[in-house]
Amino acid sequence: MKSSILELLAVPTDSEGVNWRAIVEAHYCPYLERECVKIRKTTPPVVIGTCSARYGVKVEKIAIICPHRFLERKQIFMDCFHLLTLHEPGNELHRVPELTIPGGSVDYVLASVKGGRVVDFVGIELQALDTTGSLWAERQRFLKSVGVEVGAEDLVIGTYGINWKMTAKTILMQLLHKVETFEHLSKHLVLILQEPLLNYMMSEFSFGHIEAANLGDSMHFHAYRMQQMDNAQYRLSLTSRVSTDASGIAKCLGLQVSPNIELEQIFANIQAKISDATLLTI
């Protein structure tokens, strides 16, 4: 019987010939390239180490429950490269974690650097799926099944599910405050998420105005899918990109958008001066 835990410390639970005792004791996360930082709140400093899990009854689906799982092969940063509109050949690329900005903080910044000076940057947020209940008992049952000793108190039967509504609403509210900062600076903010979460947002929130990715928009959504490869490993692949701006995020939440009076006045002034005489022709 398959475990509900899909990947533990980046290793698929259906892998063969794995020394699970050594892996659990090492607590090493290859995505962070250091010890796993996902700590069990009820019994710190116990490391959880669960990257992804299975869910669904009729159709088995995959939930990424640790945001660091998105760091695989650093592909998400390469997929944001085109948003560095001021980047030039010869510039260095830097991946900077946990940057504080007005309105909060962002998980990562992809920066273009020339001569030691930042010339452009893109903000990147990672959004895993929140769960209801606990996966801890599932994790411990899996370890016991592969010969790793665990406490009997950890094997209590429990249930878990995906907290779609809370996950979606929380991240949209956070984006609402952060994207205003990036838009003011004429920079881009990217949300990295799974395809099912983006689909949920589109069905449960006001996403009718969200369209295919446009380089001129400040807020971008990059949706990924988990696919199993021939070597039994799982790999992320980018499946869709959409974008909007700060006002668009407010509309997603059904909030009243405050008009940009200054910008509208400039548009009106330009409109008043347009005529055949101002038409640019060759």
Foldseek 3Di string as FASTA:
>chain_A
DDFQQQDFLQHGLPDPPDPVVVSLVLQARVLVRGHACQADPVDPPRHRRGQWGWDDDPDIFIFGADQSVVSVVPVVLVVCVVLFVVADPPWDWDWAAWAADQLGTAGIKIFTHDPNHTDAIEGEHTATWDKPKDCQLSSVVSCVVVPHDDDPVSNPDIDMGTPLVCSLVVVLVSCLRVQVRQVVVQGAYEYEEAPVSVVVLVVPFPCPVKDADDSNARYKYWHWGWDQDPSRRIDIDTDGMIGHGSQSSCRRHVHDDDDPVVVVVVVVVVVVPDDPVPDDDD
